[in-house]
Amino acid sequence: MERINILLAFLFMVYSGMGQDQQPENTSETIVTSSYTSFGEKFDAKDALGTQEISEQYLKMTVTDTTRSKFNAIVTDVCKSKGCWMKLQLENGQETMVRFKDYGFFVPKDITGKEVVVNGFAFVEEMSVEDQKHYAKDGDRSEAEIAKITAPKKTYSFEAVGVLLKE
């Protein structure tokens, strides 16, 4: 009789778990779709702004302004240490520094020149000399280039909650 009870309990557990969708617990896992590899939170590339539109948004912003945005651009630089930041090309030779929300995900270190779509928050900040030197070192800049950094500068920044890397 005990064996039957154990068997019934086992069958009940199996049956109760059938038909339930398994959802990933971590929303920041890497997902591969047909044309993009996703990092961080999932999102759709549809309606992403181009570099012209996001550049115009940045021009209208002042230090401490923040706006929710989604845009596509070409990667110009990536952290060579961990892939914990990247720079994206904007219009007129400008760039935006992209960091990842709460360091919840990283991107591959070899994606310079590739197209990405980022989703998150665009903002303007004044970057300290110390931070500029830190990012220059992470980007494998020479000591001579790092030594030339002597003043804070206004920068276009972006906190990404998700990134799509075009395949």
Protein backbone atom coordinates (compact mmCIF):
# COMPACT_ATOMS: atom_id res chain seq x y z
CA MET A 1 0.00 0.00 0.00
CA GLU A 2 2.89 2.36 0.82
CA ARG A 3 4.34 1.84 -2.67
CA ILE A 4 1.02 2.78 -4.26
CA ASN A 5 0.84 5.98 -2.18
CA ILE A 6 4.39 6.92 -3.22
CA LEU A 7 3.58 6.18 -6.86
CA LEU A 8 0.38 8.26 -6.68
CA ALA A 9 2.24 11.16 -5.06
CA PHE A 10 4.91 11.00 -7.77
CA LEU A 11 2.35 10.90 -10.59
CA PHE A 12 0.43 13.80 -9.02
CA MET A 13 3.60 15.94 -8.92
CA VAL A 14 4.44 15.13 -12.54
CA TYR A 15 0.87 15.78 -13.69
CA SER A 16 0.59 19.09 -11.79
CA GLY A 17 3.75 20.38 -13.47
CA MET A 18 2.60 19.57 -17.00
CA GLY A 19 1.47 22.44 -19.21
CA GLN A 20 3.24 25.11 -17.20
CA ASP A 21 5.51 27.38 -19.22
CA GLN A 22 9.02 27.54 -17.92
CA GLN A 23 10.14 31.18 -17.70
CA PRO A 24 13.79 32.09 -17.19
CA GLU A 25 14.31 33.44 -13.68
CA ASN A 26 17.04 35.86 -14.73
CA THR A 27 15.87 38.46 -17.25
CA SER A 28 19.46 39.45 -17.96
CA GLU A 29 20.50 36.23 -19.63
CA THR A 30 21.78 36.21 -23.20
CA ILE A 31 19.07 35.34 -25.75
CA VAL A 32 19.75 34.66 -29.44
CA THR A 33 17.00 35.59 -31.90
CA SER A 34 16.98 35.30 -35.69
CA SER A 35 18.83 38.57 -36.31
CA TYR A 36 20.00 39.81 -32.89
CA THR A 37 21.74 38.51 -29.81
CA SER A 38 20.13 40.02 -26.72
CA PHE A 39 21.88 41.07 -23.52
CA GLY A 40 20.03 42.29 -20.42
CA GLU A 41 16.28 42.84 -20.52
CA LYS A 42 14.50 41.64 -23.65
CA PHE A 43 13.00 44.28 -25.92
CA ASP A 44 11.94 44.79 -29.52
CA ALA A 45 14.14 46.76 -31.93
CA LYS A 46 11.01 48.13 -33.61
CA ASP A 47 10.70 51.94 -33.51
CA ALA A 48 14.34 52.44 -32.47
CA LEU A 49 15.67 55.90 -33.26
CA GLY A 50 18.60 56.44 -35.61
CA THR A 51 21.76 58.32 -34.73
CA GLN A 52 20.41 61.56 -36.19
CA GLU A 53 17.32 61.57 -33.93
CA ILE A 54 19.20 60.62 -30.75
CA SER A 55 21.88 63.21 -31.51
CA GLU A 56 19.16 65.87 -31.78
CA GLN A 57 17.75 64.74 -28.41
CA TYR A 58 21.18 65.01 -26.78
CA LEU A 59 21.68 68.53 -28.20
CA LYS A 60 18.48 69.70 -26.49
CA MET A 61 19.52 68.25 -23.11
CA THR A 62 21.51 69.88 -20.31
CA VAL A 63 23.58 68.29 -17.54
CA THR A 64 21.31 66.14 -15.31
CA ASP A 65 18.53 65.81 -17.96
CA THR A 66 17.39 62.22 -18.58
CA THR A 67 15.05 60.72 -21.19
CA ARG A 68 13.91 57.17 -21.95
CA SER A 69 15.25 56.16 -25.38
CA LYS A 70 15.86 53.28 -27.74
CA PHE A 71 18.25 53.73 -30.67
CA ASN A 72 20.63 51.92 -32.97
CA ALA A 73 24.25 52.86 -33.61
CA ILE A 74 27.70 51.48 -34.40
CA VAL A 75 30.03 50.48 -31.55
CA THR A 76 33.26 52.51 -31.56
CA ASP A 77 34.88 51.14 -28.40
CA VAL A 78 34.28 48.48 -25.73
CA CYS A 79 35.79 47.82 -22.30
CA LYS A 80 38.64 45.40 -23.02
CA SER A 81 38.65 44.21 -19.41
CA LYS A 82 35.08 42.83 -19.02
CA GLY A 83 32.80 44.31 -21.67
CA CYS A 84 31.23 46.46 -18.93
CA TRP A 85 30.79 49.58 -21.11
CA MET A 86 30.82 50.60 -24.76
CA LYS A 87 30.86 53.78 -26.82
CA LEU A 88 28.47 54.35 -29.71
CA GLN A 89 28.92 56.64 -32.71
CA LEU A 90 26.50 59.57 -33.00
CA GLU A 91 26.29 62.28 -35.64
CA ASN A 92 28.97 64.98 -36.15
CA GLY A 93 31.76 62.92 -34.59
CA GLN A 94 30.03 62.71 -31.20
CA GLU A 95 29.85 59.54 -29.12
CA THR A 96 27.73 58.31 -26.25
CA MET A 97 29.17 56.30 -23.36
CA VAL A 98 26.92 53.31 -22.61
CA ARG A 99 27.01 51.60 -19.23
CA PHE A 100 24.78 48.73 -18.16
CA LYS A 101 22.18 49.05 -15.42
CA ASP A 102 23.56 47.83 -12.09
CA TYR A 103 26.33 46.00 -14.00
CA GLY A 104 23.64 43.38 -14.54
CA PHE A 105 25.11 42.22 -17.84
CA PHE A 106 28.11 42.73 -20.11
CA VAL A 107 28.65 42.68 -23.87
CA PRO A 108 31.34 40.83 -25.83
CA LYS A 109 34.71 42.62 -25.91
CA ASP A 110 35.13 42.20 -29.68
CA ILE A 111 32.10 44.08 -31.06
CA THR A 112 33.80 47.30 -32.18
CA GLY A 113 32.38 48.22 -35.60
CA LYS A 114 29.19 46.22 -35.11
CA GLU A 115 25.65 47.56 -34.97
CA VAL A 116 23.65 47.48 -31.73
CA VAL A 117 20.27 48.67 -30.52
CA VAL A 118 20.24 49.97 -26.94
CA ASN A 119 17.22 50.47 -24.70
CA GLY A 120 17.36 52.59 -21.56
CA PHE A 121 18.00 56.15 -20.44
CA ALA A 122 19.92 58.87 -22.28
CA PHE A 123 21.43 61.61 -20.13
CA VAL A 124 24.07 64.31 -20.15
CA GLU A 125 26.72 64.42 -17.45
CA GLU A 126 29.99 66.07 -16.65
CA MET A 127 32.59 63.31 -16.46
CA SER A 128 35.44 63.80 -14.00
CA VAL A 129 39.10 63.56 -14.99
CA GLU A 130 39.41 60.44 -12.83
CA ASP A 131 36.52 58.69 -14.61
CA GLN A 132 37.83 59.70 -18.04
CA LYS A 133 41.24 58.23 -17.21
CA HIS A 134 39.65 55.05 -15.84
CA TYR A 135 37.66 54.47 -19.05
CA ALA A 136 40.69 55.34 -21.20
CA LYS A 137 42.71 52.70 -19.34
CA ASP A 138 39.90 50.12 -19.76
CA GLY A 139 39.89 50.97 -23.47
CA ASP A 140 43.62 50.14 -23.77
CA ARG A 141 44.66 53.75 -24.43
CA SER A 142 48.35 54.59 -24.18
CA GLU A 143 49.83 56.32 -21.13
CA ALA A 144 50.49 59.39 -23.32
CA GLU A 145 46.79 59.59 -24.30
CA ILE A 146 45.70 59.15 -20.69
CA ALA A 147 48.09 61.88 -19.53
CA LYS A 148 46.40 64.37 -21.91
CA ILE A 149 43.15 64.11 -19.92
CA THR A 150 43.27 67.14 -17.61
CA ALA A 151 39.77 68.62 -17.37
CA PRO A 152 36.20 67.42 -16.78
CA LYS A 153 34.08 67.26 -19.92
CA LYS A 154 30.42 67.25 -20.82
CA THR A 155 29.52 63.82 -22.14
CA TYR A 156 26.53 62.11 -23.65
CA SER A 157 25.80 59.01 -21.60
CA PHE A 158 23.37 56.14 -21.70
CA GLU A 159 22.30 53.60 -19.08
CA ALA A 160 21.19 50.51 -20.97
CA VAL A 161 18.72 48.04 -19.51
CA GLY A 162 19.04 45.93 -22.66
CA VAL A 163 21.23 45.63 -25.75
CA LEU A 164 20.58 43.89 -29.06
CA LEU A 165 23.70 42.98 -31.06
CA LYS A 166 22.99 42.66 -34.78
CA GLU A 167 24.30 39.39 -36.19
